[in-house]
């Protein structure tokens, strides 16, 4: 744990690095701070921060830059900045005037976040998670293959092809279909999951095996039905000057499974993940600020902003949270 003065020194160094992208000298830290200490004290503090892994020195004669550990300490201890009135009015005005269907709304929201944050943005739309299931079907496709179809109260339809461990006849599949319908009727998949053990205990043998395989498919469907809307990819060349870095970030954006693993698994609230904390290539210059939004009191999706590790976290967090609240109000109205 850093003492108060070293925390201030680290925060000043990081905010200066965010502004300029150049290694920060001890003289600059002293100039930007209101600390009543000598330049020698600042140099000693920076040396201690480097020794403890919070900053690094690219070259012997250069200033210092933050490490992932330094950024982590910084974002865990600073408050979001207050947005300019014009920015807040723009966000609030967007949700009070836009009246379009859900998919277009979420795409427009990703563009809004990108335009305000000046960074690429992603909005993860609601999938089947939390939806009440109104209909379910298990259709035999072969001796060891069935198709599981789910219909939610929101009109979402999902299909999942399932390979069975053992062959199943038409009567077995029909009984499993009825058992699945009874289990899911007017329940969400998560609610039905709590009843699954008792239901399986009542149906040992082939019917239970097909039912369990079908329910596993329902769980996979819930995790994979979310829609992804990306905005602001045209900004990337100006944000990451290294072309190879742009290509690596584009790869993340283009791989739905990776985005879902980053965003769909996010805990409720706002999260900041930096560099090696993300499931990406080691050393990748990437940070993501994300926040989940609720609809009807249930988590429905996620808003995320991608940027370099030196992004303006305080402003980005405030933007994401303002848009999150506006989107939740709009979808809940």
Protein backbone atom coordinates (compact mmCIF):
# COMPACT_ATOMS: atom_id res chain seq x y z
CA UNK A 1 0.00 0.00 0.00
CA UNK A 2 1.41 3.39 -0.99
CA UNK A 3 1.52 6.24 1.46
CA UNK A 4 -0.41 9.40 0.65
CA UNK A 5 2.48 11.35 -0.90
CA UNK A 6 3.60 8.52 -3.19
CA UNK A 7 -0.03 8.05 -4.27
CA UNK A 8 -0.16 11.73 -5.21
CA UNK A 9 3.16 11.51 -7.06
CA UNK A 10 1.95 8.45 -8.97
CA UNK A 11 -1.39 10.11 -9.86
CA UNK A 12 0.36 13.24 -11.17
CA UNK A 13 2.76 11.15 -13.24
CA UNK A 14 -0.08 9.08 -14.74
CA UNK A 15 -2.27 12.08 -15.56
CA UNK A 16 0.66 13.83 -17.21
CA UNK A 17 1.46 10.69 -19.19
CA UNK A 18 -2.20 10.40 -20.26
CA UNK A 19 -2.05 13.99 -21.55
CA UNK A 20 1.25 13.79 -23.43
CA UNK A 21 2.21 10.16 -23.92
CA UNK A 22 5.85 10.94 -23.06
CA UNK A 23 7.94 9.72 -20.11
CA UNK A 24 7.44 12.07 -17.17
CA UNK A 25 10.39 13.65 -15.35
CA UNK A 26 10.68 14.36 -11.63
CA UNK A 27 10.82 18.08 -12.44
CA UNK A 28 7.44 17.87 -14.19
CA UNK A 29 5.90 16.00 -11.26
CA UNK A 30 7.20 18.63 -8.83
CA UNK A 31 5.95 21.45 -11.05
CA UNK A 32 2.46 19.93 -11.38
CA UNK A 33 2.08 19.12 -7.68
CA UNK A 34 1.35 21.28 -4.66
CA UNK A 35 3.62 19.20 -2.50
CA UNK A 36 5.90 21.20 -0.20
CA UNK A 37 8.89 18.94 -0.78
CA UNK A 38 12.23 19.16 -2.52
CA UNK A 39 13.10 17.83 -5.95
CA UNK A 40 15.29 15.22 -4.22
CA UNK A 41 12.25 13.92 -2.34
CA UNK A 42 10.31 13.55 -5.61
CA UNK A 43 13.22 11.71 -7.20
CA UNK A 44 13.38 9.38 -4.20
CA UNK A 45 9.64 8.75 -4.38
CA UNK A 46 9.86 7.94 -8.09
CA UNK A 47 12.76 5.60 -7.46
CA UNK A 48 10.70 3.84 -4.79
CA UNK A 49 7.70 3.60 -7.13
CA UNK A 50 9.95 2.08 -9.79
CA UNK A 51 11.45 -0.38 -7.34
CA UNK A 52 7.97 -1.48 -6.25
CA UNK A 53 6.75 -1.92 -9.84
CA UNK A 54 4.36 1.05 -10.19
CA UNK A 55 6.42 2.89 -12.81
CA UNK A 56 9.21 2.03 -15.23
CA UNK A 57 12.03 3.95 -16.89
CA UNK A 58 12.28 3.22 -20.64
CA UNK A 59 15.83 4.63 -20.85
CA UNK A 60 18.40 5.62 -18.27
CA UNK A 61 18.16 9.33 -19.04
CA UNK A 62 14.39 9.35 -19.65
CA UNK A 63 11.53 10.07 -17.31
CA UNK A 64 9.19 7.34 -16.12
CA UNK A 65 5.99 5.78 -17.43
CA UNK A 66 3.25 3.92 -15.55
CA UNK A 67 3.08 0.14 -15.47
CA UNK A 68 -0.13 -1.89 -15.40
CA UNK A 69 0.33 -2.11 -11.64
CA UNK A 70 0.60 1.68 -11.46
CA UNK A 71 -2.54 2.17 -13.54
CA UNK A 72 -4.38 -0.32 -11.36
CA UNK A 73 -3.52 1.57 -8.19
CA UNK A 74 -4.52 4.83 -9.87
CA UNK A 75 -7.94 3.71 -11.11
CA UNK A 76 -8.70 2.07 -7.76
CA UNK A 77 -8.11 5.35 -5.89
CA UNK A 78 -9.42 8.19 -8.09
CA UNK A 79 -12.94 9.44 -8.58
CA UNK A 80 -14.52 9.95 -12.04
CA UNK A 81 -14.30 13.50 -13.30
CA UNK A 82 -17.43 15.59 -13.84
CA UNK A 83 -18.37 15.88 -17.49
CA UNK A 84 -18.87 19.25 -19.13
CA UNK A 85 -22.47 20.41 -19.13
CA UNK A 86 -22.66 20.24 -22.94
CA UNK A 87 -21.58 16.58 -22.90
CA UNK A 88 -24.14 15.64 -20.27
CA UNK A 89 -26.89 17.47 -22.15
CA UNK A 90 -25.95 15.61 -25.35
CA UNK A 91 -26.19 12.22 -23.63
CA UNK A 92 -29.45 13.02 -21.87
CA UNK A 93 -30.93 14.53 -25.02
CA UNK A 94 -30.07 11.46 -27.07
CA UNK A 95 -32.13 9.11 -24.91
CA UNK A 96 -35.03 11.51 -24.49
CA UNK A 97 -35.50 12.03 -28.24
CA UNK A 98 -34.50 8.78 -29.96
CA UNK A 99 -37.36 6.38 -30.73
CA UNK A 100 -36.12 3.44 -32.78
CA UNK A 101 -36.20 -0.34 -32.48
CA UNK A 102 -33.81 -2.02 -30.05
CA UNK A 103 -31.05 -3.09 -32.44
CA UNK A 104 -30.76 0.34 -34.03
CA UNK A 105 -30.92 1.98 -30.60
CA UNK A 106 -28.01 -0.08 -29.30
CA UNK A 107 -25.94 0.60 -32.44
CA UNK A 108 -26.69 4.33 -32.12
CA UNK A 109 -25.69 4.10 -28.45
CA UNK A 110 -22.31 2.59 -29.35
CA UNK A 111 -21.77 5.46 -31.81
CA UNK A 112 -22.77 8.01 -29.15
CA UNK A 113 -20.32 6.60 -26.61
CA UNK A 114 -17.53 6.62 -29.18
CA UNK A 115 -18.29 10.17 -30.30
CA UNK A 116 -18.23 11.46 -26.71
CA UNK A 117 -15.29 9.38 -25.44
CA UNK A 118 -13.30 9.70 -28.72
CA UNK A 119 -12.53 5.99 -28.40
CA UNK A 120 -13.97 2.77 -29.87
CA UNK A 121 -17.07 1.61 -27.99
CA UNK A 122 -19.02 -1.62 -27.71
CA UNK A 123 -22.58 -2.21 -26.54
CA UNK A 124 -23.62 -5.74 -25.67
CA UNK A 125 -27.37 -6.17 -26.16
CA UNK A 126 -29.62 -8.35 -24.02
CA UNK A 127 -29.74 -12.01 -24.94
CA UNK A 128 -31.87 -14.71 -23.33
CA UNK A 129 -30.30 -14.09 -19.92
CA UNK A 130 -33.07 -13.32 -17.46
CA UNK A 131 -35.85 -13.71 -20.05
CA UNK A 132 -38.84 -15.89 -19.28
CA UNK A 133 -39.05 -18.86 -21.62
CA UNK A 134 -42.45 -19.12 -23.31
CA UNK A 135 -41.77 -22.14 -25.51
CA UNK A 136 -39.24 -24.93 -25.91
CA UNK A 137 -38.88 -27.78 -28.38
CA UNK A 138 -36.57 -30.76 -28.76
CA UNK A 139 -36.57 -31.97 -32.36
CA UNK A 140 -34.98 -35.26 -33.33
CA UNK A 141 -32.48 -34.85 -36.16
CA UNK A 142 -30.84 -38.29 -35.95
CA UNK A 143 -30.28 -41.21 -33.57
CA UNK A 144 -27.75 -39.20 -31.56
CA UNK A 145 -28.64 -35.63 -32.57
CA UNK A 146 -31.43 -33.29 -31.45
CA UNK A 147 -32.21 -29.62 -32.10
CA UNK A 148 -33.16 -27.54 -29.05
CA UNK A 149 -35.32 -24.48 -29.82
CA UNK A 150 -36.20 -21.82 -27.22
CA UNK A 151 -38.59 -18.88 -27.51
CA UNK A 152 -38.46 -16.09 -24.90
CA UNK A 153 -41.18 -13.72 -23.78
CA UNK A 154 -39.29 -10.98 -25.60
CA UNK A 155 -39.68 -12.81 -28.91
CA UNK A 156 -36.06 -14.02 -29.10
CA UNK A 157 -35.64 -17.43 -30.75
CA UNK A 158 -32.54 -19.56 -30.32
CA UNK A 159 -31.52 -22.90 -31.78
CA UNK A 160 -28.77 -25.24 -30.64
CA UNK A 161 -27.79 -28.55 -32.23
CA UNK A 162 -26.93 -31.17 -29.58
CA UNK A 163 -24.95 -34.37 -30.00
CA UNK A 164 -26.11 -37.04 -27.54
CA UNK A 165 -23.80 -39.49 -25.83
CA UNK A 166 -26.15 -42.39 -26.59
CA UNK A 167 -28.81 -43.02 -29.29
CA UNK A 168 -32.34 -41.93 -28.34
CA UNK A 169 -35.61 -43.05 -29.89
CA UNK A 170 -38.59 -40.85 -30.79
CA UNK A 171 -40.49 -41.65 -27.58
CA UNK A 172 -37.47 -40.79 -25.45
CA UNK A 173 -36.99 -37.47 -27.24
CA UNK A 174 -40.71 -36.69 -26.94
CA UNK A 175 -40.68 -37.36 -23.18
CA UNK A 176 -37.54 -35.26 -22.77
CA UNK A 177 -39.18 -32.42 -24.73
CA UNK A 178 -42.19 -32.47 -22.38
CA UNK A 179 -39.90 -32.55 -19.34
CA UNK A 180 -37.95 -29.56 -20.67
CA UNK A 181 -41.18 -27.67 -21.37
CA UNK A 182 -42.41 -28.33 -17.81
CA UNK A 183 -39.09 -27.26 -16.37
CA UNK A 184 -38.79 -24.02 -18.35
CA UNK A 185 -42.48 -23.01 -18.48
CA UNK A 186 -42.74 -19.32 -17.48
CA UNK A 187 -39.28 -19.40 -15.91
CA UNK A 188 -35.89 -18.02 -16.86
CA UNK A 189 -33.12 -20.50 -17.55
CA UNK A 190 -31.41 -19.51 -14.29
CA UNK A 191 -34.62 -20.11 -12.33
CA UNK A 192 -35.12 -23.49 -13.99
CA UNK A 193 -31.51 -24.46 -13.25
CA UNK A 194 -32.34 -24.56 -9.51
CA UNK A 195 -35.06 -27.16 -10.20
CA UNK A 196 -32.99 -29.26 -12.61
CA UNK A 197 -31.50 -31.72 -10.05
CA UNK A 198 -34.92 -32.75 -8.73
CA UNK A 199 -36.31 -33.03 -12.26
CA UNK A 200 -33.41 -35.28 -13.32
CA UNK A 201 -33.83 -37.42 -10.19
CA UNK A 202 -37.44 -38.06 -11.23
CA UNK A 203 -36.38 -39.12 -14.73
CA UNK A 204 -33.40 -41.51 -14.57
CA UNK A 205 -32.20 -43.26 -17.67
CA UNK A 206 -32.38 -42.17 -21.33
CA UNK A 207 -35.04 -39.46 -20.86
CA UNK A 208 -33.00 -37.80 -18.13
CA UNK A 209 -29.85 -37.99 -20.28
CA UNK A 210 -31.56 -36.24 -23.20
CA UNK A 211 -33.14 -33.67 -20.86
CA UNK A 212 -29.76 -32.87 -19.27
CA UNK A 213 -28.11 -32.49 -22.68
CA UNK A 214 -30.95 -30.24 -23.86
CA UNK A 215 -30.73 -28.08 -20.75
CA UNK A 216 -26.96 -27.74 -21.15
CA UNK A 217 -27.68 -26.46 -24.66
CA UNK A 218 -30.15 -23.93 -23.20
CA UNK A 219 -27.43 -22.62 -20.89
CA UNK A 220 -24.98 -22.29 -23.79
CA UNK A 221 -27.64 -20.48 -25.80
CA UNK A 222 -28.22 -18.02 -22.98
CA UNK A 223 -24.53 -17.19 -22.98
CA UNK A 224 -24.23 -16.78 -26.76
CA UNK A 225 -27.38 -14.95 -27.87
CA UNK A 226 -26.28 -11.44 -26.95
CA UNK A 227 -25.83 -9.03 -29.85
CA UNK A 228 -22.69 -6.91 -30.18
CA UNK A 229 -22.71 -3.37 -31.56
CA UNK A 230 -19.39 -1.62 -32.23
CA UNK A 231 -18.83 2.09 -32.85
CA UNK A 232 -15.81 4.24 -33.58
CA UNK A 233 -13.43 1.80 -35.22
CA UNK A 234 -12.40 4.59 -37.63
CA UNK A 235 -10.75 6.39 -34.70
CA UNK A 236 -8.28 3.62 -34.00
CA UNK A 237 -5.47 4.75 -36.30
CA UNK A 238 -5.35 8.10 -34.49
CA UNK A 239 -5.38 6.46 -31.03
CA UNK A 240 -2.83 3.70 -31.54
CA UNK A 241 0.01 5.10 -33.64
CA UNK A 242 1.57 1.66 -34.04
CA UNK A 243 -0.17 -0.08 -36.97
CA UNK A 244 0.42 -3.49 -35.43
CA UNK A 245 -1.41 -2.35 -32.28
CA UNK A 246 -4.38 -1.22 -34.40
CA UNK A 247 -4.53 -4.63 -36.06
CA UNK A 248 -4.43 -6.41 -32.70
CA UNK A 249 -7.28 -4.32 -31.30
CA UNK A 250 -9.28 -4.84 -34.49
CA UNK A 251 -8.81 -8.57 -34.03
CA UNK A 252 -10.34 -8.30 -30.57
CA UNK A 253 -13.31 -6.37 -31.94
CA UNK A 254 -13.82 -8.85 -34.76
CA UNK A 255 -13.76 -11.92 -32.52
CA UNK A 256 -17.22 -12.10 -30.98
CA UNK A 257 -16.28 -14.90 -28.61
CA UNK A 258 -13.45 -12.83 -27.14
CA UNK A 259 -15.64 -9.74 -26.74
CA UNK A 260 -18.34 -11.80 -25.09
CA UNK A 261 -15.82 -13.35 -22.71
CA UNK A 262 -14.67 -9.85 -21.74
CA UNK A 263 -18.05 -8.10 -21.55
CA UNK A 264 -20.72 -10.73 -20.89
CA UNK A 265 -18.85 -12.10 -17.90
CA UNK A 266 -18.47 -8.67 -16.33
CA UNK A 267 -19.62 -8.30 -12.75
CA UNK A 268 -22.44 -5.85 -12.02
CA UNK A 269 -21.29 -2.24 -11.90
CA UNK A 270 -18.30 -0.56 -13.51
CA UNK A 271 -15.04 -2.39 -14.14
CA UNK A 272 -11.67 -1.24 -15.44
CA UNK A 273 -9.34 -3.89 -16.82
CA UNK A 274 -5.88 -3.05 -18.02
CA UNK A 275 -3.33 -4.89 -20.15
CA UNK A 276 -2.53 -8.29 -18.70
CA UNK A 277 -5.79 -8.27 -16.72
CA UNK A 278 -7.58 -8.93 -20.04
CA UNK A 279 -7.69 -12.26 -21.91
CA UNK A 280 -5.56 -10.84 -24.73
CA UNK A 281 -1.97 -11.19 -25.93
CA UNK A 282 0.61 -10.38 -23.29
CA UNK A 283 1.91 -6.84 -23.52
CA UNK A 284 -1.02 -5.60 -25.62
CA UNK A 285 -1.63 -1.87 -25.23
CA UNK A 286 -5.31 -2.17 -24.32
CA UNK A 287 -7.60 -1.18 -21.48
CA UNK A 288 -11.38 -1.55 -21.24
CA UNK A 289 -13.84 0.41 -19.12
CA UNK A 290 -17.19 -1.39 -18.93
CA UNK A 291 -20.43 -1.16 -17.01
CA UNK A 292 -23.51 -3.35 -16.96
CA UNK A 293 -26.96 -1.83 -17.49
CA UNK A 294 -30.19 -3.15 -16.02
CA UNK A 295 -33.68 -3.45 -17.47
CA UNK A 296 -36.50 -4.14 -15.06
CA UNK A 297 -34.06 -4.65 -12.22
CA UNK A 298 -32.14 -7.39 -14.07
CA UNK A 299 -28.73 -7.16 -15.78
CA UNK A 300 -29.42 -6.87 -19.52
CA UNK A 301 -26.14 -5.99 -21.19
CA UNK A 302 -22.87 -4.11 -21.03
CA UNK A 303 -21.39 -0.87 -22.35
CA UNK A 304 -17.65 -0.86 -22.93
CA UNK A 305 -14.97 1.56 -24.13
CA UNK A 306 -11.65 0.32 -25.51
CA UNK A 307 -8.53 2.43 -25.41
CA UNK A 308 -4.80 2.39 -24.82
CA UNK A 309 -3.57 1.94 -21.29
CA UNK A 310 -3.02 5.69 -21.11
CA UNK A 311 -6.70 6.51 -21.72
CA UNK A 312 -8.35 9.18 -19.57
CA UNK A 313 -9.96 6.80 -17.08
CA UNK A 314 -11.67 9.43 -14.95
CA UNK A 315 -13.56 10.91 -17.90
CA UNK A 316 -14.23 7.58 -19.59
CA UNK A 317 -15.79 6.07 -16.46
CA UNK A 318 -18.13 9.04 -16.14
CA UNK A 319 -19.17 8.79 -19.80
CA UNK A 320 -19.87 5.07 -19.58
CA UNK A 321 -21.92 5.49 -16.41
CA UNK A 322 -23.92 8.44 -17.78
CA UNK A 323 -24.78 6.49 -20.94
CA UNK A 324 -25.50 3.33 -18.92
CA UNK A 325 -28.05 5.16 -16.80
CA UNK A 326 -29.64 6.82 -19.83
CA UNK A 327 -29.92 3.52 -21.71
CA UNK A 328 -31.38 1.71 -18.72
CA UNK A 329 -34.00 4.44 -18.26
CA UNK A 330 -34.86 4.37 -21.95
CA UNK A 331 -35.24 0.58 -22.11
CA UNK A 332 -37.15 0.47 -18.85
CA UNK A 333 -39.67 3.16 -19.81
